[in-house]
Amino acid sequence: MHTYAAVDLGASSGRVMVGRVTPDSLELTEAHRFPNRPVRVAEGLRWDVLGLYAGVLDGLRAASAASGGRLDSVGIDSWAVDYGLLDADGALLGNPVHYRDARTEGVAEKVWATVPAAELYAATGLQYAPFNTLYQLTAAASSAQFAHARRLLLVPDLLAYWLTGEQGTELTNASTTQLVDPRTRDWSYDVAARLGIDLSLFAPLRQPGDPAGVLRAEVLEETGLTGPVPVTAVGSHDTASAVAAVPATGERFAYICTGTWSLAGLELEAPVLTEESRAANFTNELGLDGTVRYLRNIMGLWLLQECVRAWGDPDLGGLLRDAAAVPALRSVVDAGDAAFLAPGRMPERIAEACRASGQPVPETPGEITRCILDSLALAHRRAIEDAQRLAGHPVDVVHVVGGGTRNALLCQLTADACGLPVVAGPTEAAALGNVLVQARAHGIVGDLADGRRLLTRTQPLTRYEPQGDPGHWREAEARLAAR
């Protein structure tokens, strides 16, 4: 049996999980969980990256205690697009900017004046999102901090650098910068040159499974681990790791990675770079083993998380029971609308959107929760139907992984909306995918299909069959389209 630590950082919390793997078994246990609380300062919204690093060290210390001081490897995944800047001495130049910060407002239009949106999509395959790293870099270009920067490291690569002293840029996360060509799986040198972006800021590209250094002596001392402990590059974009842990048994499947975001789409062998795909706002991000994650970003459970925060953190179980009692599809909003991107006043903003579209205005927490869940299921339906059409890739089943698997109402509504069976699980998909890549690098499991067979045998899964009249979902979709 081999033992691996998976550092898995989400937008609202981080965790260090311990995976124990043999060719026939996979066990995952939580060593340590810690909050990820962005901080608003005078300059804007920032990540508390030092607090995150402290949480990682605490987690490795707990993993050491759980494994007798021995780990075969450590892997790190996190959310995408955000980065830290280092000076010539390798010191961090300020806290990384949060992707929900307002600094990229209006920046896309400046970029498109040089590289039109259609050309940018044809070259990089990335959907428009205001927080893409490309737009962040354009917004930062005139800052004093950027003038002193000599290296840019995406968040998981920054933490790996602090653990090991070695720098690299893992490919699946690099593909979210809008500076990678998904056909060549290398930098888009033409786009960078036209926009004046110096690609030498980035450390050399790494593939999932590549070595990423060994834990420094100081880290070993602080965590109680016995060295050497290698760090392995995994699918460091958490969605790449989560998709690697989709327990699919064939190719005709769609996936929805649920959490703060819902990432809904297909696993393909090649990108879809058509103008129709761009207009539908689909993205082509890179996955394991030469695959492409063809998906649409949907706001996800962020909508509910923000409401729960505004309501003073009521019991979620009670909230979902109240939501289940509300008539279905009474009111829906566009769960992909950028109007819901920023934090704050979420219940009021959802009510305002319903009022503006002439629908009944949800008032109670139960009614607002039902509006959110119906809207997410409807967005899942649209994304999966559009992806099949645009890619010419039909599916027979939808796999839901991540935190949303705990929400039985959302899973059932997604099955109803899509008219397809939903298989929910595993919940800790990103951590499991992280562990599987480490185990692959050490020869414990084989290819992507082999890892998925192992997950199917070892992880609890729940199946939801579609119910009700699919016409109600078509009517709700038409209602949204007409606003």
Protein backbone atom coordinates (compact mmCIF):
# COMPACT_ATOMS: atom_id res chain seq x y z
CA MET A 1 0.00 0.00 0.00
CA HIS A 2 1.22 3.49 -0.90
CA THR A 3 0.21 6.64 0.95
CA TYR A 4 -0.30 10.01 -0.72
CA ALA A 5 -1.29 13.46 0.54
CA ALA A 6 -3.68 15.41 -1.68
CA VAL A 7 -3.76 19.15 -1.01
CA ASP A 8 -7.10 20.28 -2.48
CA LEU A 9 -7.90 23.99 -2.29
CA GLY A 10 -11.37 25.24 -3.13
CA ALA A 11 -12.66 28.78 -3.29
CA SER A 12 -14.21 28.56 0.19
CA SER A 13 -12.12 25.92 2.00
CA GLY A 14 -8.98 23.85 1.74
CA ARG A 15 -8.31 20.29 2.80
CA VAL A 16 -5.45 17.84 3.02
CA MET A 17 -6.60 14.31 2.32
CA VAL A 18 -4.66 11.09 2.78
CA GLY A 19 -5.07 8.47 0.07
CA ARG A 20 -4.01 4.86 0.59
CA VAL A 21 -3.77 2.99 -2.69
CA THR A 22 -3.10 -0.53 -3.92
CA PRO A 23 -3.93 -1.86 -7.40
CA ASP A 24 -7.24 -3.09 -5.95
CA SER A 25 -8.13 -0.57 -3.24
CA LEU A 26 -8.39 3.17 -2.71
CA GLU A 27 -9.16 4.72 0.67
CA LEU A 28 -9.42 8.46 1.25
CA THR A 29 -9.53 10.09 4.67
CA GLU A 30 -9.51 13.72 5.70
CA ALA A 31 -6.42 14.80 7.63
CA HIS A 32 -7.21 18.49 7.99
CA ARG A 33 -9.73 21.03 6.69
CA PHE A 34 -9.37 24.79 6.94
CA PRO A 35 -11.30 27.86 5.74
CA ASN A 36 -10.32 29.90 2.71
CA ARG A 37 -11.51 33.41 3.48
CA PRO A 38 -10.72 36.14 0.95
CA VAL A 39 -9.85 39.50 2.45
CA ARG A 40 -11.04 42.88 1.18
CA VAL A 41 -8.34 45.53 1.59
CA ALA A 42 -8.08 49.08 0.26
CA GLU A 43 -6.75 47.87 -3.10
CA GLY A 44 -9.49 45.28 -3.59
CA LEU A 45 -10.24 41.60 -2.94
CA ARG A 46 -7.24 39.39 -2.15
CA TRP A 47 -6.50 35.77 -1.25
CA ASP A 48 -4.93 35.11 2.15
CA VAL A 49 -2.29 32.91 0.56
CA LEU A 50 -0.08 32.80 3.66
CA GLY A 51 -3.05 31.54 5.66
CA LEU A 52 -3.60 28.88 3.00
CA TYR A 53 0.04 27.84 3.14
CA ALA A 54 -0.18 27.58 6.93
CA GLY A 55 -3.26 25.36 6.46
CA VAL A 56 -1.30 23.17 4.05
CA LEU A 57 1.52 22.78 6.58
CA ASP A 58 -0.98 21.96 9.33
CA GLY A 59 -2.54 19.40 7.01
CA LEU A 60 0.79 17.78 6.17
CA ARG A 61 1.53 17.60 9.90
CA ALA A 62 -1.79 15.82 10.43
CA ALA A 63 -1.09 13.54 7.46
CA SER A 64 2.30 12.72 8.96
CA ALA A 65 0.67 11.76 12.26
CA ALA A 66 -1.85 9.59 10.42
CA SER A 67 0.77 7.79 8.33
CA GLY A 68 3.58 7.29 10.83
CA GLY A 69 5.67 10.09 9.32
CA ARG A 70 5.86 8.54 5.86
CA LEU A 71 4.29 9.77 2.64
CA ASP A 72 5.09 8.49 -0.81
CA SER A 73 4.20 11.80 -2.44
CA VAL A 74 2.31 15.09 -2.14
CA GLY A 75 0.15 16.66 -4.86
CA ILE A 76 -1.56 20.07 -4.96
CA ASP A 77 -4.66 21.23 -6.85
CA SER A 78 -6.66 24.44 -6.55
CA TRP A 79 -9.03 26.76 -8.36
CA ALA A 80 -7.79 28.22 -11.64
CA VAL A 81 -6.63 31.54 -13.19
CA ASP A 82 -5.17 33.30 -10.11
CA TYR A 83 -1.45 33.73 -9.51
CA GLY A 84 1.30 35.19 -7.36
CA LEU A 85 4.14 37.39 -8.61
CA LEU A 86 7.71 36.88 -7.40
CA ASP A 87 10.61 39.35 -7.50
CA ALA A 88 14.15 38.58 -8.63
CA ASP A 89 14.91 37.02 -5.23
CA GLY A 90 11.88 34.71 -5.40
CA ALA A 91 9.93 36.69 -2.79
CA LEU A 92 6.16 37.10 -3.17
CA LEU A 93 5.07 40.58 -4.27
CA GLY A 94 1.82 40.94 -2.33
CA ASN A 95 -1.18 38.68 -1.88
CA PRO A 96 -2.67 37.20 -5.08
CA VAL A 97 -5.67 39.08 -6.42
CA HIS A 98 -9.02 37.25 -6.13
CA TYR A 99 -10.72 36.46 -9.42
CA ARG A 100 -13.89 38.16 -8.17
CA ASP A 101 -11.99 41.46 -7.80
CA ALA A 102 -13.33 44.27 -9.98
CA ARG A 103 -10.01 45.17 -11.63
CA THR A 104 -10.84 43.37 -14.89
CA GLU A 105 -14.05 45.29 -15.56
CA GLY A 106 -13.86 46.64 -19.12
CA VAL A 107 -10.48 45.01 -19.77
CA ALA A 108 -11.76 42.44 -22.26
CA GLU A 109 -12.74 45.17 -24.72
CA LYS A 110 -9.17 46.50 -24.62
CA VAL A 111 -7.80 43.03 -25.37
CA TRP A 112 -10.30 42.46 -28.19
CA ALA A 113 -9.22 45.73 -29.81
CA THR A 114 -5.86 44.03 -30.45
CA VAL A 115 -6.93 40.40 -30.77
CA PRO A 116 -10.63 40.20 -31.71
CA ALA A 117 -12.69 37.84 -29.58
CA ALA A 118 -13.25 35.37 -32.44
CA GLU A 119 -9.49 35.17 -33.16
CA LEU A 120 -8.72 34.77 -29.48
CA TYR A 121 -11.15 31.85 -29.19
CA ALA A 122 -9.84 30.18 -32.36
CA ALA A 123 -6.31 30.37 -30.93
CA THR A 124 -6.95 29.41 -27.30
CA GLY A 125 -10.41 27.80 -27.16
CA LEU A 126 -11.26 29.51 -23.88
CA GLN A 127 -14.70 30.90 -23.15
CA TYR A 128 -15.01 34.51 -22.18
CA ALA A 129 -14.83 35.05 -18.45
CA PRO A 130 -13.77 38.45 -17.09
CA PHE A 131 -11.33 36.85 -14.65
CA ASN A 132 -9.29 34.81 -17.16
CA THR A 133 -5.59 35.24 -16.41
CA LEU A 134 -5.08 37.01 -19.74
CA TYR A 135 -7.39 39.83 -18.64
CA GLN A 136 -5.88 39.92 -15.16
CA LEU A 137 -2.41 40.37 -16.68
CA THR A 138 -3.66 43.14 -18.94
CA ALA A 139 -5.23 44.89 -15.95
CA ALA A 140 -2.01 44.55 -13.92
CA ALA A 141 0.45 45.51 -16.65
CA SER A 142 0.91 49.14 -15.58
CA SER A 143 1.22 48.46 -11.85
CA ALA A 144 4.40 48.96 -9.84
CA GLN A 145 4.12 45.41 -8.55
CA PHE A 146 4.06 43.98 -12.07
CA ALA A 147 7.09 46.10 -13.03
CA HIS A 148 9.12 44.35 -10.34
CA ALA A 149 7.87 40.85 -11.15
CA ARG A 150 10.31 38.30 -12.55
CA ARG A 151 8.18 35.18 -12.19
CA LEU A 152 4.46 34.35 -12.22
CA LEU A 153 3.26 31.18 -10.50
CA LEU A 154 -0.33 29.96 -10.55
CA VAL A 155 -1.66 29.29 -7.04
CA PRO A 156 -0.92 25.54 -6.76
CA ASP A 157 2.51 26.06 -8.34
CA LEU A 158 3.22 28.87 -5.86
CA LEU A 159 2.48 26.59 -2.91
CA ALA A 160 4.57 23.80 -4.47
CA TYR A 161 7.43 26.29 -4.82
CA TRP A 162 7.25 27.18 -1.13
CA LEU A 163 7.27 23.49 -0.24
CA THR A 164 10.15 22.51 -2.54
CA GLY A 165 12.01 25.57 -3.79
CA GLU A 166 11.36 24.47 -7.40
CA GLN A 167 9.25 26.33 -9.96
CA GLY A 168 7.00 25.01 -12.69
CA THR A 169 3.69 25.65 -14.47
CA GLU A 170 1.36 22.65 -14.58
CA LEU A 171 -0.38 22.30 -17.94
CA THR A 172 -4.03 21.73 -17.01
CA ASN A 173 -4.04 24.92 -14.96
CA ALA A 174 -2.00 26.82 -17.54
CA SER A 175 -4.75 26.04 -20.04
CA THR A 176 -7.11 28.31 -18.05
CA THR A 177 -4.89 31.37 -18.58
CA GLN A 178 -6.12 31.90 -22.17
CA LEU A 179 -2.48 31.77 -23.24
CA VAL A 180 -2.31 28.07 -24.26
CA ASP A 181 -3.15 26.54 -27.65
CA PRO A 182 -5.32 23.47 -26.92
CA ARG A 183 -4.26 21.84 -30.20
CA THR A 184 -0.51 21.95 -29.54
CA ARG A 185 -0.84 21.84 -25.72
CA ASP A 186 1.84 24.54 -25.61
CA TRP A 187 1.83 28.32 -25.18
CA SER A 188 0.00 30.41 -27.77
CA TYR A 189 3.06 32.44 -28.70
CA ASP A 190 1.24 34.56 -31.29
CA VAL A 191 -1.48 35.71 -28.87
CA ALA A 192 1.09 36.55 -26.19
CA ALA A 193 3.26 38.49 -28.64
CA ARG A 194 0.34 40.53 -30.00
CA LEU A 195 -0.74 41.47 -26.48
CA GLY A 196 2.77 42.19 -25.22
CA ILE A 197 2.73 39.42 -22.62
CA ASP A 198 6.19 38.09 -21.78
CA LEU A 199 5.85 34.31 -21.53
CA SER A 200 9.25 34.10 -19.82
CA LEU A 201 7.37 35.22 -16.68
CA PHE A 202 6.01 31.69 -16.53
CA ALA A 203 8.08 28.79 -15.24
CA PRO A 204 8.53 25.79 -17.61
CA LEU A 205 5.44 23.73 -18.32
CA ARG A 206 4.90 20.49 -16.39
CA GLN A 207 2.62 17.59 -17.24
CA PRO A 208 0.44 15.78 -14.67
CA GLY A 209 2.62 13.07 -13.19
CA ASP A 210 5.89 14.96 -13.61
CA PRO A 211 8.15 15.33 -10.56
CA ALA A 212 7.89 18.75 -8.93
CA GLY A 213 10.71 18.59 -6.39
CA VAL A 214 11.01 17.25 -2.85
CA LEU A 215 9.92 18.79 0.43
CA ARG A 216 12.52 21.16 1.84
CA ALA A 217 14.29 20.22 5.05
CA GLU A 218 12.47 23.01 6.90
CA VAL A 219 9.11 21.64 5.76
CA LEU A 220 10.05 18.14 6.92
CA GLU A 221 11.03 19.49 10.30
CA GLU A 222 7.83 21.50 10.67
CA THR A 223 5.51 18.67 9.62
CA GLY A 224 7.30 15.72 11.22
CA LEU A 225 7.60 13.89 7.92
CA THR A 226 10.55 11.63 7.18
CA GLY A 227 12.26 12.54 3.94
CA PRO A 228 12.69 12.43 1.14
CA VAL A 229 9.07 13.20 0.24
CA PRO A 230 8.57 14.00 -3.45
CA VAL A 231 5.98 16.45 -4.70
CA THR A 232 4.23 15.26 -7.86
CA ALA A 233 2.53 17.54 -10.38
CA VAL A 234 -1.11 16.45 -10.62
CA GLY A 235 -4.00 17.93 -12.58
CA SER A 236 -3.44 21.08 -10.56
CA HIS A 237 -6.62 22.73 -11.75
CA ASP A 238 -9.11 21.14 -9.39
CA THR A 239 -11.56 20.54 -12.21
CA ALA A 240 -8.92 18.56 -14.11
CA SER A 241 -8.43 16.37 -11.06
CA ALA A 242 -12.18 16.07 -10.50
CA VAL A 243 -12.84 15.00 -14.11
CA ALA A 244 -10.05 12.41 -13.79
CA ALA A 245 -12.10 10.96 -10.92
CA VAL A 246 -15.37 10.69 -12.86
CA PRO A 247 -16.25 6.98 -12.49
CA ALA A 248 -17.33 6.55 -16.10
CA THR A 249 -17.28 3.16 -17.80
CA GLY A 250 -17.28 4.37 -21.41
CA GLU A 251 -17.10 7.48 -23.58
CA ARG A 252 -20.80 8.42 -23.78
CA PHE A 253 -20.96 10.45 -20.59
CA ALA A 254 -21.28 14.04 -19.50
CA TYR A 255 -20.00 15.38 -16.19
CA ILE A 256 -20.88 18.18 -13.83
CA CYS A 257 -18.23 19.14 -11.30
CA THR A 258 -20.22 20.80 -8.56
CA GLY A 259 -19.15 23.14 -5.81
CA THR A 260 -18.82 26.90 -5.74
CA TRP A 261 -18.98 26.56 -9.53
CA SER A 262 -20.76 24.03 -11.71
CA LEU A 263 -18.53 22.94 -14.60
CA ALA A 264 -20.74 21.02 -17.02
CA GLY A 265 -19.53 19.35 -20.18
CA LEU A 266 -17.79 16.50 -21.97
CA GLU A 267 -14.40 14.82 -22.15
CA LEU A 268 -13.14 14.97 -25.75
CA GLU A 269 -10.08 13.96 -27.73
CA ALA A 270 -9.80 17.32 -29.53
CA PRO A 271 -10.96 20.91 -28.92
CA VAL A 272 -14.05 22.44 -30.51
CA LEU A 273 -12.97 25.85 -31.84
CA THR A 274 -15.93 26.83 -34.00
CA GLU A 275 -17.57 30.23 -33.93
CA GLU A 276 -20.79 28.54 -32.82
CA SER A 277 -18.94 27.08 -29.84
CA ARG A 278 -17.58 30.52 -28.93
CA ALA A 279 -21.04 32.07 -29.16
CA ALA A 280 -22.33 29.38 -26.81
CA ASN A 281 -19.56 30.30 -24.35
CA PHE A 282 -17.92 26.87 -24.12
CA THR A 283 -14.35 26.44 -23.03
CA ASN A 284 -11.65 23.97 -24.05
CA GLU A 285 -9.40 23.24 -21.09
CA LEU A 286 -6.77 20.54 -21.03
CA GLY A 287 -7.16 17.30 -19.11
CA LEU A 288 -5.16 14.17 -18.47
CA ASP A 289 -3.81 11.88 -21.19
CA GLY A 290 -4.30 14.33 -24.05
CA THR A 291 -7.99 14.92 -23.30
CA VAL A 292 -9.90 18.18 -23.55
CA ARG A 293 -12.43 19.29 -20.95
CA TYR A 294 -15.13 20.85 -23.10
CA LEU A 295 -17.40 22.64 -20.67
CA ARG A 296 -19.38 25.67 -19.66
CA ASN A 297 -18.83 27.55 -16.39
CA ILE A 298 -22.04 28.01 -14.39
CA MET A 299 -22.24 30.00 -11.14
CA GLY A 300 -22.96 26.84 -9.14
CA LEU A 301 -23.62 26.58 -5.43
CA TRP A 302 -22.00 30.01 -4.98
CA LEU A 303 -25.54 31.37 -5.34
CA LEU A 304 -26.76 29.32 -2.38
CA GLN A 305 -23.55 29.82 -0.37
CA GLU A 306 -23.94 33.59 -0.59
CA CYS A 307 -27.61 33.40 0.39
CA VAL A 308 -26.85 31.15 3.36
CA ARG A 309 -24.19 33.62 4.46
CA ALA A 310 -26.68 36.50 4.19
CA TRP A 311 -29.25 34.53 6.21
CA GLY A 312 -26.84 33.91 9.08
CA ASP A 313 -25.91 30.30 8.24
CA PRO A 314 -29.21 28.48 8.90
CA ASP A 315 -29.40 24.68 8.95
CA LEU A 316 -28.89 23.54 5.36
CA GLY A 317 -30.95 20.37 5.80
CA GLY A 318 -33.97 22.36 6.92
CA LEU A 319 -33.49 24.81 4.07
CA LEU A 320 -33.49 21.99 1.50
CA ARG A 321 -36.59 20.42 3.05
CA ASP A 322 -38.37 23.77 2.77
CA ALA A 323 -37.17 24.11 -0.83
CA ALA A 324 -38.48 20.64 -1.74
CA ALA A 325 -41.96 21.73 -0.62
CA VAL A 326 -42.01 24.75 -2.97
CA PRO A 327 -43.71 24.23 -6.36
CA ALA A 328 -41.18 23.35 -9.07
CA LEU A 329 -39.98 25.92 -11.61
CA ARG A 330 -42.12 28.71 -10.16
CA SER A 331 -39.27 31.16 -10.84
CA VAL A 332 -35.87 30.67 -12.48
CA VAL A 333 -32.85 32.87 -13.15
CA ASP A 334 -29.89 32.51 -15.50
CA ALA A 335 -27.31 30.73 -13.32
CA GLY A 336 -24.58 31.65 -15.77
CA ASP A 337 -25.25 35.39 -15.61
CA ALA A 338 -22.18 37.44 -14.66
CA ALA A 339 -24.54 39.66 -12.65
CA PHE A 340 -24.24 37.07 -9.88
CA LEU A 341 -20.43 36.94 -9.90
CA ALA A 342 -19.67 39.46 -7.15
CA PRO A 343 -20.36 38.72 -3.48
CA GLY A 344 -23.07 40.41 -1.43
CA ARG A 345 -26.88 40.86 -1.41
CA MET A 346 -27.48 37.58 -3.23
CA PRO A 347 -31.08 36.99 -2.00
CA GLU A 348 -32.05 40.50 -3.09
CA ARG A 349 -30.31 40.15 -6.46
CA ILE A 350 -32.09 36.87 -7.20
CA ALA A 351 -35.43 38.44 -6.24
CA GLU A 352 -34.67 41.46 -8.44
CA ALA A 353 -33.86 39.21 -11.42
CA CYS A 354 -37.18 37.38 -11.02
CA ARG A 355 -39.08 40.67 -10.73
CA ALA A 356 -37.37 42.10 -13.81
CA SER A 357 -38.36 39.03 -15.86
CA GLY A 358 -42.00 39.19 -14.76
CA GLN A 359 -41.91 35.99 -12.69
CA PRO A 360 -43.22 35.45 -9.16
CA VAL A 361 -40.71 36.91 -6.72
CA PRO A 362 -39.36 34.34 -4.22
CA GLU A 363 -39.49 35.77 -0.71
CA THR A 364 -38.74 33.12 1.92
CA PRO A 365 -35.36 31.33 2.20
CA GLY A 366 -37.08 28.12 1.07
CA GLU A 367 -38.50 29.79 -2.04
CA ILE A 368 -35.17 31.41 -2.92
CA THR A 369 -33.34 28.12 -2.39
CA ARG A 370 -35.79 26.33 -4.70
CA CYS A 371 -35.32 29.06 -7.31
CA ILE A 372 -31.55 28.55 -7.13
CA LEU A 373 -31.69 24.76 -7.40
CA ASP A 374 -34.22 24.80 -10.25
CA SER A 375 -32.07 27.40 -12.02
CA LEU A 376 -28.91 25.34 -11.60
CA ALA A 377 -30.61 22.20 -12.92
CA LEU A 378 -31.89 24.19 -15.88
CA ALA A 379 -28.38 25.54 -16.55
CA HIS A 380 -27.00 21.99 -16.33
CA ARG A 381 -29.60 20.89 -18.90
CA ARG A 382 -28.70 23.69 -21.33
CA ALA A 383 -24.96 23.09 -21.00
CA ILE A 384 -25.16 19.33 -21.58
CA GLU A 385 -27.58 19.63 -24.50
CA ASP A 386 -25.45 22.35 -26.11
CA ALA A 387 -22.21 20.43 -25.57
CA GLN A 388 -23.59 17.31 -27.24
CA ARG A 389 -24.79 19.31 -30.23
CA LEU A 390 -21.66 21.40 -30.68
CA ALA A 391 -19.23 18.50 -30.25
CA GLY A 392 -21.32 15.88 -32.05
CA HIS A 393 -20.85 13.67 -29.00
CA PRO A 394 -24.07 12.09 -27.61
CA VAL A 395 -24.24 10.87 -24.01
CA ASP A 396 -26.28 8.31 -22.08
CA VAL A 397 -25.53 9.35 -18.50
CA VAL A 398 -24.53 12.39 -16.46
CA HIS A 399 -21.93 12.02 -13.73
CA VAL A 400 -22.17 14.55 -10.92
CA VAL A 401 -19.05 14.83 -8.76
CA GLY A 402 -17.95 17.19 -6.00
CA GLY A 403 -19.78 18.89 -3.17
CA GLY A 404 -23.13 18.97 -4.96
CA THR A 405 -23.40 15.19 -4.65
CA ARG A 406 -24.49 15.76 -1.04
CA ASN A 407 -27.51 17.71 -2.30
CA ALA A 408 -29.98 14.98 -3.27
CA LEU A 409 -32.57 17.52 -4.41
CA LEU A 410 -30.14 19.14 -6.84
CA CYS A 411 -29.08 15.74 -8.21
CA GLN A 412 -32.69 14.64 -8.76
CA LEU A 413 -33.61 17.97 -10.38
CA THR A 414 -30.59 17.64 -12.68
CA ALA A 415 -31.72 14.16 -13.75
CA ASP A 416 -35.26 15.48 -14.33
CA ALA A 417 -34.03 18.49 -16.31
CA CYS A 418 -31.57 16.54 -18.47
CA GLY A 419 -33.89 13.58 -19.01
CA LEU A 420 -30.92 11.33 -18.30
CA PRO A 421 -29.84 9.19 -15.34
CA VAL A 422 -27.48 10.96 -12.96
CA VAL A 423 -24.76 9.04 -11.13
CA ALA A 424 -23.67 11.09 -8.12
CA GLY A 425 -20.25 10.58 -6.58
CA PRO A 426 -17.55 10.71 -5.52
CA THR A 427 -17.89 13.81 -3.36
CA GLU A 428 -14.15 14.37 -2.92
CA ALA A 429 -13.49 13.93 -6.65
CA ALA A 430 -10.70 16.49 -6.92
CA ALA A 431 -8.75 14.91 -4.06
CA LEU A 432 -9.29 11.42 -5.50
CA GLY A 433 -8.11 12.51 -8.94
CA ASN A 434 -5.11 14.14 -7.29
CA VAL A 435 -4.28 10.86 -5.51
CA LEU A 436 -4.77 8.77 -8.65
CA VAL A 437 -2.28 10.86 -10.64
CA GLN A 438 0.30 10.42 -7.88
CA ALA A 439 -0.38 6.68 -7.79
CA ARG A 440 -0.02 6.50 -11.58
CA ALA A 441 3.32 8.28 -11.40
CA HIS A 442 4.49 5.53 -9.03
CA GLY A 443 3.14 2.70 -11.18
CA ILE A 444 0.38 1.65 -8.76
CA VAL A 445 -2.50 2.19 -11.21
CA GLY A 446 -2.54 2.33 -14.98
CA ASP A 447 -4.18 4.73 -17.41
CA LEU A 448 -7.22 6.96 -16.95
CA ALA A 449 -9.67 4.12 -17.64
CA ASP A 450 -7.90 1.90 -15.09
CA GLY A 451 -8.17 4.59 -12.43
CA ARG A 452 -11.87 5.04 -13.18
CA ARG A 453 -12.51 1.31 -12.83
CA LEU A 454 -10.81 1.45 -9.44
CA LEU A 455 -13.09 4.33 -8.40
CA THR A 456 -16.20 2.49 -9.56
CA ARG A 457 -15.25 -0.50 -7.39
CA THR A 458 -14.27 1.45 -4.30
CA GLN A 459 -16.36 4.64 -4.03
CA PRO A 460 -20.03 4.98 -2.99
CA LEU A 461 -22.22 6.12 -5.90
CA THR A 462 -25.93 7.04 -6.01
CA ARG A 463 -28.08 6.80 -9.13
CA TYR A 464 -31.02 9.15 -9.84
CA GLU A 465 -33.49 8.34 -12.61
CA PRO A 466 -35.31 11.18 -14.41
CA GLN A 467 -38.88 11.82 -13.25
CA GLY A 468 -41.77 14.05 -14.25
CA ASP A 469 -42.71 15.78 -17.48
CA PRO A 470 -39.67 17.12 -19.41
CA GLY A 471 -41.99 19.64 -21.04
CA HIS A 472 -41.98 21.72 -17.84
CA TRP A 473 -38.23 22.21 -18.23
CA ARG A 474 -38.60 23.23 -21.87
CA GLU A 475 -41.22 25.79 -20.81
CA ALA A 476 -38.89 27.20 -18.13
CA GLU A 477 -36.07 27.37 -20.66
CA ALA A 478 -38.29 29.29 -23.08
CA ARG A 479 -39.28 31.65 -20.26
CA LEU A 480 -35.62 32.49 -19.62
CA ALA A 481 -34.84 32.88 -23.32
CA ALA A 482 -37.68 35.37 -23.72
CA ARG A 483 -36.54 37.79 -21.05
